[in-house]
Amino acid sequence: EQVSNLKGSKEQHQKKKKSHGNRKEQHKRRKLLRRQQQQQQESHVNNNYMDQNIIDQRQQDEERELIH
């Protein structure tokens, strides 16, 4: 009985090792996802900034036309 018990615990140990490897992969994947999301947010902010510039430009143009 003890021999089969040892065998079982060895298999369990290997399974644990595998799941630990997966955890590392999950962490990498999460890091990548977070980086991508940050980049998206940054580009989104840049887009908003551009829009604001365009809006400001239009307002200035309209004001010029009103003056003229």
C-alpha atoms as a PDB file:
ATOM      1  CA  GLU A   1       0.000   0.000   0.000  1.00  0.00           C
ATOM      2  CA  GLN A   2       2.804   2.414   0.847  1.00  0.00           C
ATOM      3  CA  VAL A   3       4.385   1.961  -2.589  1.00  0.00           C
ATOM      4  CA  SER A   4       1.173   2.854  -4.440  1.00  0.00           C
ATOM      5  CA  ASN A   5       0.740   5.779  -2.061  1.00  0.00           C
ATOM      6  CA  LEU A   6       4.164   7.122  -2.994  1.00  0.00           C
ATOM      7  CA  LYS A   7       3.346   6.734  -6.666  1.00  0.00           C
ATOM      8  CA  GLY A   8       0.142   8.679  -6.192  1.00  0.00           C
ATOM      9  CA  SER A   9       1.840  11.524  -4.378  1.00  0.00           C
ATOM     10  CA  LYS A  10       4.496  11.698  -7.104  1.00  0.00           C
ATOM     11  CA  GLU A  11       1.810  12.100  -9.772  1.00  0.00           C
ATOM     12  CA  GLN A  12       0.076  14.736  -7.675  1.00  0.00           C
ATOM     13  CA  HIS A  13       3.374  16.547  -7.304  1.00  0.00           C
ATOM     14  CA  GLN A  14       3.873  16.609 -11.079  1.00  0.00           C
ATOM     15  CA  LYS A  15       0.346  17.941 -11.523  1.00  0.00           C
ATOM     16  CA  LYS A  16       1.092  20.715  -9.049  1.00  0.00           C
ATOM     17  CA  LYS A  17       4.244  21.588 -10.975  1.00  0.00           C
ATOM     18  CA  LYS A  18       2.238  21.848 -14.186  1.00  0.00           C
ATOM     19  CA  SER A  19      -0.374  24.120 -12.653  1.00  0.00           C
ATOM     20  CA  HIS A  20       2.411  26.295 -11.278  1.00  0.00           C
ATOM     21  CA  GLY A  21       3.825  26.655 -14.794  1.00  0.00           C
ATOM     22  CA  ASN A  22       0.387  27.655 -16.006  1.00  0.00           C
ATOM     23  CA  ARG A  23       0.190  30.297 -13.318  1.00  0.00           C
ATOM     24  CA  LYS A  24       3.373  31.861 -14.695  1.00  0.00           C
ATOM     25  CA  GLU A  25       1.849  31.895 -18.175  1.00  0.00           C
ATOM     26  CA  GLN A  26      -1.363  33.425 -16.845  1.00  0.00           C
ATOM     27  CA  HIS A  27       0.667  36.150 -15.159  1.00  0.00           C
ATOM     28  CA  LYS A  28       2.494  36.917 -18.415  1.00  0.00           C
ATOM     29  CA  ARG A  29      -0.783  37.002 -20.305  1.00  0.00           C
ATOM     30  CA  ARG A  30      -2.338  39.317 -17.724  1.00  0.00           C
ATOM     31  CA  LYS A  31       0.688  41.619 -17.915  1.00  0.00           C
ATOM     32  CA  LEU A  32       0.388  41.775 -21.699  1.00  0.00           C
ATOM     33  CA  LEU A  33      -3.337  42.460 -21.521  1.00  0.00           C
ATOM     34  CA  ARG A  34      -2.801  45.252 -19.018  1.00  0.00           C
ATOM     35  CA  ARG A  35      -0.127  46.816 -21.246  1.00  0.00           C
ATOM     36  CA  GLN A  36      -2.432  46.655 -24.281  1.00  0.00           C
ATOM     37  CA  GLN A  37      -5.270  48.242 -22.323  1.00  0.00           C
ATOM     38  CA  GLN A  38      -2.969  51.056 -21.176  1.00  0.00           C
ATOM     39  CA  GLN A  39      -1.903  51.717 -24.760  1.00  0.00           C
ATOM     40  CA  GLN A  40      -5.539  51.802 -25.859  1.00  0.00           C
ATOM     41  CA  GLN A  41      -6.358  54.269 -23.100  1.00  0.00           C
ATOM     42  CA  GLU A  42      -3.394  56.447 -24.048  1.00  0.00           C
ATOM     43  CA  SER A  43      -4.338  56.511 -27.721  1.00  0.00           C
ATOM     44  CA  HIS A  44      -7.920  57.226 -26.679  1.00  0.00           C
ATOM     45  CA  VAL A  45      -6.723  60.211 -24.646  1.00  0.00           C
ATOM     46  CA  ASN A  46      -4.670  61.368 -27.632  1.00  0.00           C
ATOM     47  CA  ASN A  47      -7.741  61.138 -29.846  1.00  0.00           C
ATOM     48  CA  ASN A  48      -9.746  63.219 -27.397  1.00  0.00           C
ATOM     49  CA  TYR A  49      -6.932  65.752 -27.327  1.00  0.00           C
ATOM     50  CA  MET A  50      -6.930  65.936 -31.121  1.00  0.00           C
ATOM     51  CA  ASP A  51     -10.704  66.359 -31.163  1.00  0.00           C
ATOM     52  CA  GLN A  52     -10.404  69.185 -28.658  1.00  0.00           C
ATOM     53  CA  ASN A  53      -7.815  70.898 -30.867  1.00  0.00           C
ATOM     54  CA  ILE A  54     -10.086  70.598 -33.894  1.00  0.00           C
ATOM     55  CA  ILE A  55     -13.021  71.993 -31.919  1.00  0.00           C
ATOM     56  CA  ASP A  56     -10.899  74.911 -30.683  1.00  0.00           C
ATOM     57  CA  GLN A  57      -9.756  75.589 -34.251  1.00  0.00           C
ATOM     58  CA  ARG A  58     -13.364  75.632 -35.512  1.00  0.00           C
ATOM     59  CA  GLN A  59     -14.424  77.997 -32.755  1.00  0.00           C
ATOM     60  CA  GLN A  60     -11.565  80.333 -33.631  1.00  0.00           C
ATOM     61  CA  ASP A  61     -12.538  80.191 -37.314  1.00  0.00           C
ATOM     62  CA  GLU A  62     -16.162  80.981 -36.466  1.00  0.00           C
ATOM     63  CA  GLU A  63     -15.114  83.885 -34.257  1.00  0.00           C
ATOM     64  CA  ARG A  64     -12.914  85.258 -37.062  1.00  0.00           C
ATOM     65  CA  GLU A  65     -15.796  85.051 -39.494  1.00  0.00           C
ATOM     66  CA  LEU A  66     -18.057  86.849 -37.015  1.00  0.00           C
ATOM     67  CA  ILE A  67     -15.472  89.603 -36.633  1.00  0.00           C
ATOM     68  CA  HIS A  68     -15.117  89.951 -40.409  1.00  0.00           C
END
